[in-house]
PDB file of N, CA and C in Angstrom:
ATOM      1  N   MET A   1     135.284  59.072 164.763  1.00  0.00           N
ATOM      2  CA  MET A   1     135.741  58.238 163.676  1.00  0.00           C
ATOM      3  C   MET A   1     135.299  58.864 162.357  1.00  0.00           C
ATOM      4  N   LYS A   2     136.211  58.823 161.378  1.00  0.00           N
ATOM      5  CA  LYS A   2     135.930  59.374 160.062  1.00  0.00           C
ATOM      6  C   LYS A   2     136.389  58.394 159.000  1.00  0.00           C
ATOM      7  N   LEU A   3     135.876  58.596 157.792  1.00  0.00           N
ATOM      8  CA  LEU A   3     136.277  57.775 156.654  1.00  0.00           C
ATOM      9  C   LEU A   3     137.373  58.505 155.895  1.00  0.00           C
ATOM     10  N   LEU A   4     138.518  57.880 155.793  1.00  0.00           N
ATOM     11  CA  LEU A   4     139.656  58.402 155.057  1.00  0.00           C
ATOM     12  C   LEU A   4     139.709  57.709 153.704  1.00  0.00           C
ATOM     13  N   ILE A   5     139.827  58.496 152.629  1.00  0.00           N
ATOM     14  CA  ILE A   5     139.945  57.947 151.279  1.00  0.00           C
ATOM     15  C   ILE A   5     141.221  58.509 150.658  1.00  0.00           C
ATOM     16  N   VAL A   6     142.066  57.622 150.130  1.00  0.00           N
ATOM     17  CA  VAL A   6     143.345  58.028 149.555  1.00  0.00           C
ATOM     18  C   VAL A   6     143.482  57.390 148.176  1.00  0.00           C
ATOM     19  N   THR A   7     143.920  58.193 147.192  1.00  0.00           N
ATOM     20  CA  THR A   7     144.237  57.642 145.875  1.00  0.00           C
ATOM     21  C   THR A   7     145.707  57.891 145.583  1.00  0.00           C
ATOM     22  N   VAL A   8     146.317  56.929 144.912  1.00  0.00           N
ATOM     23  CA  VAL A   8     147.748  56.993 144.625  1.00  0.00           C
ATOM     24  C   VAL A   8     148.027  56.185 143.363  1.00  0.00           C
ATOM     25  N   VAL A   9     148.958  56.667 142.531  1.00  0.00           N
ATOM     26  CA  VAL A   9     149.375  55.875 141.379  1.00  0.00           C
ATOM     27  C   VAL A   9     150.177  54.681 141.898  1.00  0.00           C
ATOM     28  N   ILE A  10     150.167  53.597 141.141  1.00  0.00           N
ATOM     29  CA  ILE A  10     150.806  52.344 141.559  1.00  0.00           C
ATOM     30  C   ILE A  10     152.267  52.558 141.978  1.00  0.00           C
ATOM     31  N   GLU A  11     152.974  53.455 141.301  1.00  0.00           N
ATOM     32  CA  GLU A  11     154.387  53.688 141.592  1.00  0.00           C
ATOM     33  C   GLU A  11     154.626  54.117 143.040  1.00  0.00           C
ATOM     34  N   PHE A  12     153.619  54.747 143.672  1.00  0.00           N
ATOM     35  CA  PHE A  12     153.782  55.238 145.037  1.00  0.00           C
ATOM     36  C   PHE A  12     153.012  54.407 146.063  1.00  0.00           C
ATOM     37  N   GLU A  13     152.567  53.225 145.659  1.00  0.00           N
ATOM     38  CA  GLU A  13     151.789  52.381 146.569  1.00  0.00           C
ATOM     39  C   GLU A  13     152.584  51.979 147.815  1.00  0.00           C
ATOM     40  N   LYS A  14     153.838  51.580 147.644  1.00  0.00           N
ATOM     41  CA  LYS A  14     154.658  51.199 148.797  1.00  0.00           C
ATOM     42  C   LYS A  14     154.879  52.396 149.718  1.00  0.00           C
ATOM     43  N   ASP A  15     154.980  53.585 149.125  1.00  0.00           N
ATOM     44  CA  ASP A  15     155.188  54.792 149.933  1.00  0.00           C
ATOM     45  C   ASP A  15     153.973  55.091 150.802  1.00  0.00           C
ATOM     46  N   ILE A  16     152.767  54.979 150.243  1.00  0.00           N
ATOM     47  CA  ILE A  16     151.580  55.285 151.050  1.00  0.00           C
ATOM     48  C   ILE A  16     151.410  54.253 152.158  1.00  0.00           C
ATOM     49  N   LEU A  17     151.787  53.018 151.902  1.00  0.00           N
ATOM     50  CA  LEU A  17     151.706  52.001 152.952  1.00  0.00           C
ATOM     51  C   LEU A  17     152.648  52.339 154.111  1.00  0.00           C
ATOM     52  N   LYS A  18     153.828  52.868 153.790  1.00  0.00           N
ATOM     53  CA  LYS A  18     154.761  53.301 154.839  1.00  0.00           C
ATOM     54  C   LYS A  18     154.184  54.484 155.617  1.00  0.00           C
ATOM     55  N   LEU A  19     153.536  55.410 154.889  1.00  0.00           N
ATOM     56  CA  LEU A  19     152.935  56.572 155.550  1.00  0.00           C
ATOM     57  C   LEU A  19     151.778  56.143 156.447  1.00  0.00           C
ATOM     58  N   PHE A  20     150.974  55.165 155.995  1.00  0.00           N
ATOM     59  CA  PHE A  20     149.898  54.639 156.845  1.00  0.00           C
ATOM     60  C   PHE A  20     150.487  54.095 158.146  1.00  0.00           C
ATOM     61  N   LYS A  21     151.574  53.351 158.036  1.00  0.00           N
ATOM     62  CA  LYS A  21     152.189  52.758 159.221  1.00  0.00           C
ATOM     63  C   LYS A  21     152.676  53.848 160.178  1.00  0.00           C
ATOM     64  N   LYS A  22     153.320  54.887 159.644  1.00  0.00           N
ATOM     65  CA  LYS A  22     153.799  55.997 160.482  1.00  0.00           C
ATOM     66  C   LYS A  22     152.649  56.733 161.165  1.00  0.00           C
ATOM     67  N   ALA A  23     151.493  56.770 160.511  1.00  0.00           N
ATOM     68  CA  ALA A  23     150.322  57.461 161.068  1.00  0.00           C
ATOM     69  C   ALA A  23     149.484  56.538 161.960  1.00  0.00           C
ATOM     70  N   ASN A  24     149.955  55.322 162.180  1.00  0.00           N
ATOM     71  CA  ASN A  24     149.245  54.330 163.004  1.00  0.00           C
ATOM     72  C   ASN A  24     147.894  53.930 162.421  1.00  0.00           C
ATOM     73  N   ILE A  25     147.819  53.881 161.101  1.00  0.00           N
ATOM     74  CA  ILE A  25     146.614  53.378 160.431  1.00  0.00           C
ATOM     75  C   ILE A  25     146.913  51.933 160.049  1.00  0.00           C
ATOM     76  N   GLU A  26     146.438  51.029 160.874  1.00  0.00           N
ATOM     77  CA  GLU A  26     146.755  49.605 160.721  1.00  0.00           C
ATOM     78  C   GLU A  26     145.687  48.850 159.937  1.00  0.00           C
ATOM     79  N   SER A  27     144.480  49.388 159.915  1.00  0.00           N
ATOM     80  CA  SER A  27     143.367  48.689 159.276  1.00  0.00           C
ATOM     81  C   SER A  27     142.822  49.530 158.129  1.00  0.00           C
ATOM     82  N   PHE A  28     142.851  48.959 156.920  1.00  0.00           N
ATOM     83  CA  PHE A  28     142.374  49.680 155.744  1.00  0.00           C
ATOM     84  C   PHE A  28     142.037  48.685 154.647  1.00  0.00           C
ATOM     85  N   SER A  29     141.359  49.172 153.629  1.00  0.00           N
ATOM     86  CA  SER A  29     141.032  48.358 152.452  1.00  0.00           C
ATOM     87  C   SER A  29     141.643  49.017 151.231  1.00  0.00           C
ATOM     88  N   GLU A  30     141.874  48.202 150.195  1.00  0.00           N
ATOM     89  CA  GLU A  30     142.498  48.696 148.971  1.00  0.00           C
ATOM     90  C   GLU A  30     141.768  48.135 147.765  1.00  0.00           C
ATOM     91  N   SER A  31     141.722  48.942 146.713  1.00  0.00           N
ATOM     92  CA  SER A  31     141.136  48.498 145.456  1.00  0.00           C
ATOM     93  C   SER A  31     141.926  49.094 144.302  1.00  0.00           C
ATOM     94  N   ARG A  32     142.131  48.328 143.256  1.00  0.00           N
ATOM     95  CA  ARG A  32     142.803  48.820 142.052  1.00  0.00           C
ATOM     96  C   ARG A  32     141.798  49.638 141.234  1.00  0.00           C
ATOM     97  N   ILE A  33     142.261  50.767 140.720  1.00  0.00           N
ATOM     98  CA  ILE A  33     141.418  51.632 139.895  1.00  0.00           C
ATOM     99  C   ILE A  33     142.244  52.167 138.733  1.00  0.00           C
ATOM    100  N   ASP A  34     141.581  52.712 137.724  1.00  0.00           N
ATOM    101  CA  ASP A  34     142.243  53.442 136.651  1.00  0.00           C
ATOM    102  C   ASP A  34     141.977  54.917 136.870  1.00  0.00           C
ATOM    103  N   GLY A  35     143.037  55.711 136.951  1.00  0.00           N
ATOM    104  CA  GLY A  35     142.887  57.150 137.138  1.00  0.00           C
ATOM    105  C   GLY A  35     142.870  57.857 135.795  1.00  0.00           C
ATOM    106  N   HIS A  36     142.067  58.887 135.692  1.00  0.00           N
ATOM    107  CA  HIS A  36     141.952  59.670 134.456  1.00  0.00           C
ATOM    108  C   HIS A  36     142.138  61.135 134.767  1.00  0.00           C
ATOM    109  N   LYS A  37     142.827  61.853 133.875  1.00  0.00           N
ATOM    110  CA  LYS A  37     143.058  63.276 134.083  1.00  0.00           C
ATOM    111  C   LYS A  37     142.331  64.158 133.092  1.00  0.00           C
ATOM    112  N   ASN A  38     141.900  63.615 131.959  1.00  0.00           N
ATOM    113  CA  ASN A  38     141.212  64.457 130.987  1.00  0.00           C
ATOM    114  C   ASN A  38     140.116  63.689 130.279  1.00  0.00           C
ATOM    115  N   ILE A  39     139.262  64.396 129.602  1.00  0.00           N
ATOM    116  CA  ILE A  39     138.109  63.791 128.927  1.00  0.00           C
ATOM    117  C   ILE A  39     138.519  62.907 127.753  1.00  0.00           C
ATOM    118  N   THR A  40     139.668  63.188 127.117  1.00  0.00           N
ATOM    119  CA  THR A  40     140.110  62.410 125.964  1.00  0.00           C
ATOM    120  C   THR A  40     140.273  60.941 126.312  1.00  0.00           C
ATOM    121  N   SER A  41     140.885  60.654 127.447  1.00  0.00           N
ATOM    122  CA  SER A  41     141.078  59.257 127.830  1.00  0.00           C
ATOM    123  C   SER A  41     139.749  58.581 128.147  1.00  0.00           C
ATOM    124  N   MET A  42     138.772  59.344 128.641  1.00  0.00           N
ATOM    125  CA  MET A  42     137.454  58.771 128.914  1.00  0.00           C
ATOM    126  C   MET A  42     136.755  58.372 127.617  1.00  0.00           C
ATOM    127  N   VAL A  43     136.923  59.182 126.577  1.00  0.00           N
ATOM    128  CA  VAL A  43     136.293  58.872 125.296  1.00  0.00           C
ATOM    129  C   VAL A  43     136.869  57.575 124.731  1.00  0.00           C
ATOM    130  N   ARG A  44     138.179  57.388 124.857  1.00  0.00           N
ATOM    131  CA  ARG A  44     138.809  56.167 124.352  1.00  0.00           C
ATOM    132  C   ARG A  44     138.259  54.925 125.031  1.00  0.00           C
ATOM    133  N   THR A  45     137.996  54.987 126.311  1.00  0.00           N
ATOM    134  CA  THR A  45     137.534  53.806 127.029  1.00  0.00           C
ATOM    135  C   THR A  45     136.055  53.539 126.789  1.00  0.00           C
ATOM    136  N   ALA A  46     135.338  54.502 126.211  1.00  0.00           N
ATOM    137  CA  ALA A  46     133.919  54.320 125.966  1.00  0.00           C
ATOM    138  C   ALA A  46     133.658  53.472 124.728  1.00  0.00           C
ATOM    139  N   SER A  47     134.670  53.291 123.869  1.00  0.00           N
ATOM    140  CA  SER A  47     134.458  52.503 122.664  1.00  0.00           C
ATOM    141  C   SER A  47     134.431  51.018 123.002  1.00  0.00           C
ATOM    142  N   TRP A  48     133.893  50.218 122.087  1.00  0.00           N
ATOM    143  CA  TRP A  48     133.810  48.779 122.313  1.00  0.00           C
ATOM    144  C   TRP A  48     135.181  48.124 122.343  1.00  0.00           C
ATOM    145  N   PHE A  49     136.075  48.589 121.480  1.00  0.00           N
ATOM    146  CA  PHE A  49     137.410  48.002 121.383  1.00  0.00           C
ATOM    147  C   PHE A  49     138.459  49.108 121.453  1.00  0.00           C
ATOM    148  N   PRO A  50     138.716  49.631 122.636  1.00  0.00           N
ATOM    149  CA  PRO A  50     139.682  50.736 122.735  1.00  0.00           C
ATOM    150  C   PRO A  50     141.077  50.293 122.308  1.00  0.00           C
ATOM    151  N   SER A  51     141.782  51.163 121.581  1.00  0.00           N
ATOM    152  CA  SER A  51     143.118  50.819 121.101  1.00  0.00           C
ATOM    153  C   SER A  51     144.178  51.046 122.170  1.00  0.00           C
ATOM    154  N   GLU A  52     143.866  51.873 123.162  1.00  0.00           N
ATOM    155  CA  GLU A  52     144.822  52.149 124.233  1.00  0.00           C
ATOM    156  C   GLU A  52     144.160  51.908 125.574  1.00  0.00           C
ATOM    157  N   LYS A  53     144.998  51.648 126.560  1.00  0.00           N
ATOM    158  CA  LYS A  53     144.476  51.505 127.912  1.00  0.00           C
ATOM    159  C   LYS A  53     143.853  52.827 128.341  1.00  0.00           C
ATOM    160  N   GLY A  54     142.765  52.762 129.080  1.00  0.00           N
ATOM    161  CA  GLY A  54     141.991  53.944 129.395  1.00  0.00           C
ATOM    162  C   GLY A  54     142.545  54.858 130.449  1.00  0.00           C
ATOM    163  N   GLY A  55     143.388  54.407 131.354  1.00  0.00           N
ATOM    164  CA  GLY A  55     143.826  55.289 132.418  1.00  0.00           C
ATOM    165  C   GLY A  55     145.136  54.849 133.030  1.00  0.00           C
ATOM    166  N   VAL A  56     145.482  55.536 134.093  1.00  0.00           N
ATOM    167  CA  VAL A  56     146.708  55.258 134.821  1.00  0.00           C
ATOM    168  C   VAL A  56     146.396  54.273 135.942  1.00  0.00           C
ATOM    169  N   GLU A  57     147.195  53.216 136.049  1.00  0.00           N
ATOM    170  CA  GLU A  57     146.980  52.239 137.116  1.00  0.00           C
ATOM    171  C   GLU A  57     147.188  52.917 138.462  1.00  0.00           C
ATOM    172  N   SER A  58     146.170  52.828 139.294  1.00  0.00           N
ATOM    173  CA  SER A  58     146.187  53.487 140.592  1.00  0.00           C
ATOM    174  C   SER A  58     145.574  52.575 141.643  1.00  0.00           C
ATOM    175  N   SER A  59     145.681  53.005 142.882  1.00  0.00           N
ATOM    176  CA  SER A  59     145.046  52.299 143.986  1.00  0.00           C
ATOM    177  C   SER A  59     144.214  53.277 144.792  1.00  0.00           C
ATOM    178  N   LEU A  60     143.107  52.785 145.313  1.00  0.00           N
ATOM    179  CA  LEU A  60     142.257  53.547 146.202  1.00  0.00           C
ATOM    180  C   LEU A  60     142.268  52.839 147.543  1.00  0.00           C
ATOM    181  N   PHE A  61     142.589  53.569 148.585  1.00  0.00           N
ATOM    182  CA  PHE A  61     142.600  53.030 149.941  1.00  0.00           C
ATOM    183  C   PHE A  61     141.511  53.718 150.736  1.00  0.00           C
ATOM    184  N   PHE A  62     140.875  52.981 151.632  1.00  0.00           N
ATOM    185  CA  PHE A  62     139.974  53.642 152.562  1.00  0.00           C
ATOM    186  C   PHE A  62     140.067  52.982 153.926  1.00  0.00           C
ATOM    187  N   SER A  63     139.828  53.829 154.946  1.00  0.00           N
ATOM    188  CA  SER A  63     139.948  53.368 156.315  1.00  0.00           C
ATOM    189  C   SER A  63     139.023  54.181 157.208  1.00  0.00           C
ATOM    190  N   PHE A  64     138.393  53.509 158.145  1.00  0.00           N
ATOM    191  CA  PHE A  64     137.652  54.190 159.204  1.00  0.00           C
ATOM    192  C   PHE A  64     138.656  54.384 160.333  1.00  0.00           C
ATOM    193  N   THR A  65     138.995  55.636 160.611  1.00  0.00           N
ATOM    194  CA  THR A  65     140.077  55.879 161.560  1.00  0.00           C
ATOM    195  C   THR A  65     139.861  57.161 162.359  1.00  0.00           C
ATOM    196  N   SER A  66     140.771  57.427 163.271  1.00  0.00           N
ATOM    197  CA  SER A  66     140.645  58.557 164.201  1.00  0.00           C
ATOM    198  C   SER A  66     141.178  59.856 163.599  1.00  0.00           C
ATOM    199  N   ASP A  67     140.733  60.967 164.176  1.00  0.00           N
ATOM    200  CA  ASP A  67     141.217  62.290 163.762  1.00  0.00           C
ATOM    201  C   ASP A  67     142.736  62.394 163.930  1.00  0.00           C
ATOM    202  N   GLU A  68     143.231  61.852 165.024  1.00  0.00           N
ATOM    203  CA  GLU A  68     144.667  61.928 165.297  1.00  0.00           C
ATOM    204  C   GLU A  68     145.493  61.274 164.194  1.00  0.00           C
ATOM    205  N   SER A  69     145.111  60.067 163.795  1.00  0.00           N
ATOM    206  CA  SER A  69     145.833  59.366 162.728  1.00  0.00           C
ATOM    207  C   SER A  69     145.700  60.091 161.396  1.00  0.00           C
ATOM    208  N   ILE A  70     144.524  60.637 161.134  1.00  0.00           N
ATOM    209  CA  ILE A  70     144.299  61.374 159.896  1.00  0.00           C
ATOM    210  C   ILE A  70     145.180  62.615 159.846  1.00  0.00           C
ATOM    211  N   ASN A  71     145.262  63.344 160.958  1.00  0.00           N
ATOM    212  CA  ASN A  71     146.094  64.552 160.994  1.00  0.00           C
ATOM    213  C   ASN A  71     147.564  64.230 160.739  1.00  0.00           C
ATOM    214  N   ILE A  72     148.036  63.160 161.341  1.00  0.00           N
ATOM    215  CA  ILE A  72     149.424  62.735 161.115  1.00  0.00           C
ATOM    216  C   ILE A  72     149.628  62.376 159.650  1.00  0.00           C
ATOM    217  N   LEU A  73     148.708  61.580 159.088  1.00  0.00           N
ATOM    218  CA  LEU A  73     148.833  61.155 157.699  1.00  0.00           C
ATOM    219  C   LEU A  73     148.816  62.351 156.751  1.00  0.00           C
ATOM    220  N   PHE A  74     147.927  63.310 156.973  1.00  0.00           N
ATOM    221  CA  PHE A  74     147.854  64.472 156.087  1.00  0.00           C
ATOM    222  C   PHE A  74     149.177  65.244 156.094  1.00  0.00           C
ATOM    223  N   GLU A  75     149.809  65.381 157.247  1.00  0.00           N
ATOM    224  CA  GLU A  75     151.111  66.057 157.305  1.00  0.00           C
ATOM    225  C   GLU A  75     152.168  65.265 156.535  1.00  0.00           C
ATOM    226  N   LEU A  76     152.152  63.949 156.681  1.00  0.00           N
ATOM    227  CA  LEU A  76     153.105  63.097 155.965  1.00  0.00           C
ATOM    228  C   LEU A  76     152.881  63.158 154.455  1.00  0.00           C
ATOM    229  N   ILE A  77     151.629  63.138 154.024  1.00  0.00           N
ATOM    230  CA  ILE A  77     151.312  63.229 152.593  1.00  0.00           C
ATOM    231  C   ILE A  77     151.728  64.594 152.046  1.00  0.00           C
ATOM    232  N   LYS A  78     151.452  65.647 152.798  1.00  0.00           N
ATOM    233  CA  LYS A  78     151.825  66.998 152.372  1.00  0.00           C
ATOM    234  C   LYS A  78     153.334  67.076 152.131  1.00  0.00           C
ATOM    235  N   GLU A  79     154.115  66.555 153.065  1.00  0.00           N
ATOM    236  CA  GLU A  79     155.572  66.540 152.933  1.00  0.00           C
ATOM    237  C   GLU A  79     156.006  65.686 151.740  1.00  0.00           C
ATOM    238  N   PHE A  80     155.396  64.513 151.588  1.00  0.00           N
ATOM    239  CA  PHE A  80     155.727  63.616 150.475  1.00  0.00           C
ATOM    240  C   PHE A  80     155.462  64.298 149.141  1.00  0.00           C
ATOM    241  N   ASN A  81     154.293  64.921 148.990  1.00  0.00           N
ATOM    242  CA  ASN A  81     153.914  65.565 147.734  1.00  0.00           C
ATOM    243  C   ASN A  81     154.831  66.742 147.387  1.00  0.00           C
ATOM    244  N   GLN A  82     155.318  67.458 148.391  1.00  0.00           N
ATOM    245  CA  GLN A  82     156.216  68.591 148.145  1.00  0.00           C
ATOM    246  C   GLN A  82     157.561  68.138 147.606  1.00  0.00           C
ATOM    247  N   ASN A  83     157.952  66.914 147.911  1.00  0.00           N
ATOM    248  CA  ASN A  83     159.263  66.412 147.503  1.00  0.00           C
ATOM    249  C   ASN A  83     159.223  65.515 146.267  1.00  0.00           C
ATOM    250  N   MET A  84     158.065  65.337 145.666  1.00  0.00           N
ATOM    251  CA  MET A  84     157.983  64.432 144.515  1.00  0.00           C
ATOM    252  C   MET A  84     158.352  65.156 143.224  1.00  0.00           C
ATOM    253  N   GLU A  85     158.812  64.384 142.252  1.00  0.00           N
ATOM    254  CA  GLU A  85     159.255  64.940 140.983  1.00  0.00           C
ATOM    255  C   GLU A  85     158.244  64.735 139.859  1.00  0.00           C
ATOM    256  N   THR A  86     157.150  64.054 140.122  1.00  0.00           N
ATOM    257  CA  THR A  86     156.138  63.812 139.086  1.00  0.00           C
ATOM    258  C   THR A  86     154.910  64.670 139.346  1.00  0.00           C
ATOM    259  N   ASN A  87     153.963  64.609 138.428  1.00  0.00           N
ATOM    260  CA  ASN A  87     152.715  65.363 138.563  1.00  0.00           C
ATOM    261  C   ASN A  87     151.574  64.431 138.991  1.00  0.00           C
ATOM    262  N   ASN A  88     151.874  63.485 139.863  1.00  0.00           N
ATOM    263  CA  ASN A  88     150.880  62.530 140.348  1.00  0.00           C
ATOM    264  C   ASN A  88     150.874  62.502 141.870  1.00  0.00           C
ATOM    265  N   PRO A  89     150.432  63.589 142.502  1.00  0.00           N
ATOM    266  CA  PRO A  89     150.473  63.620 143.963  1.00  0.00           C
ATOM    267  C   PRO A  89     149.522  62.606 144.592  1.00  0.00           C
ATOM    268  N   ILE A  90     149.852  62.208 145.811  1.00  0.00           N
ATOM    269  CA  ILE A  90     148.930  61.410 146.603  1.00  0.00           C
ATOM    270  C   ILE A  90     147.779  62.338 146.977  1.00  0.00           C
ATOM    271  N   LYS A  91     146.560  61.860 146.822  1.00  0.00           N
ATOM    272  CA  LYS A  91     145.386  62.666 147.161  1.00  0.00           C
ATOM    273  C   LYS A  91     144.610  61.973 148.270  1.00  0.00           C
ATOM    274  N   ALA A  92     144.094  62.784 149.204  1.00  0.00           N
ATOM    275  CA  ALA A  92     143.349  62.220 150.326  1.00  0.00           C
ATOM    276  C   ALA A  92     142.190  63.132 150.683  1.00  0.00           C
ATOM    277  N   VAL A  93     141.105  62.516 151.099  1.00  0.00           N
ATOM    278  CA  VAL A  93     139.932  63.253 151.579  1.00  0.00           C
ATOM    279  C   VAL A  93     139.404  62.562 152.836  1.00  0.00           C
ATOM    280  N   VAL A  94     138.663  63.323 153.617  1.00  0.00           N
ATOM    281  CA  VAL A  94     138.067  62.794 154.840  1.00  0.00           C
ATOM    282  C   VAL A  94     136.562  63.051 154.789  1.00  0.00           C
ATOM    283  N   VAL A  95     135.800  62.026 155.129  1.00  0.00           N
ATOM    284  CA  VAL A  95     134.342  62.115 155.128  1.00  0.00           C
ATOM    285  C   VAL A  95     133.851  61.824 156.551  1.00  0.00           C
ATOM    286  N   PRO A  96     133.081  62.716 157.144  1.00  0.00           N
ATOM    287  CA  PRO A  96     132.577  62.444 158.488  1.00  0.00           C
ATOM    288  C   PRO A  96     131.548  61.316 158.463  1.00  0.00           C
ATOM    289  N   ILE A  97     131.515  60.551 159.521  1.00  0.00           N
ATOM    290  CA  ILE A  97     130.570  59.444 159.643  1.00  0.00           C
ATOM    291  C   ILE A  97     129.448  59.864 160.590  1.00  0.00           C
ATOM    292  N   GLU A  98     128.213  59.850 160.104  1.00  0.00           N
ATOM    293  CA  GLU A  98     127.078  60.218 160.951  1.00  0.00           C
ATOM    294  C   GLU A  98     126.626  59.068 161.843  1.00  0.00           C
ATOM    295  N   LYS A  99     126.606  57.861 161.277  1.00  0.00           N
ATOM    296  CA  LYS A  99     126.216  56.671 162.023  1.00  0.00           C
ATOM    297  C   LYS A  99     127.078  55.503 161.572  1.00  0.00           C
ATOM    298  N   SER A 100     127.264  54.570 162.472  1.00  0.00           N
ATOM    299  CA  SER A 100     127.957  53.331 162.095  1.00  0.00           C
ATOM    300  C   SER A 100     127.485  52.203 162.998  1.00  0.00           C
ATOM    301  N   ILE A 101     127.681  50.997 162.518  1.00  0.00           N
ATOM    302  CA  ILE A 101     127.321  49.809 163.301  1.00  0.00           C
ATOM    303  C   ILE A 101     128.532  48.905 163.360  1.00  0.00           C
TER     304      ILE A 101
END
């Protein structure tokens, strides 16, 4: 079992949910986050009263899942990212689990 972490801009949230289903990842958690690509946007959000929103609306998903499901999902994400027209690819990482209860 490993920890899968995926980030995606809100526009592709429905797509990642479909990819999870195809990869047989049925159990996961989600959290809304703001994504940042450069230091300028971070400086804006550090002020007390920022004039602009600090980042891009995104979602972070995580799941404790099997190698098999992760391998399927990574292939699906790779294919999805190759066919997208924007510069906001789905990103995923895997973290090994040493112990769990």
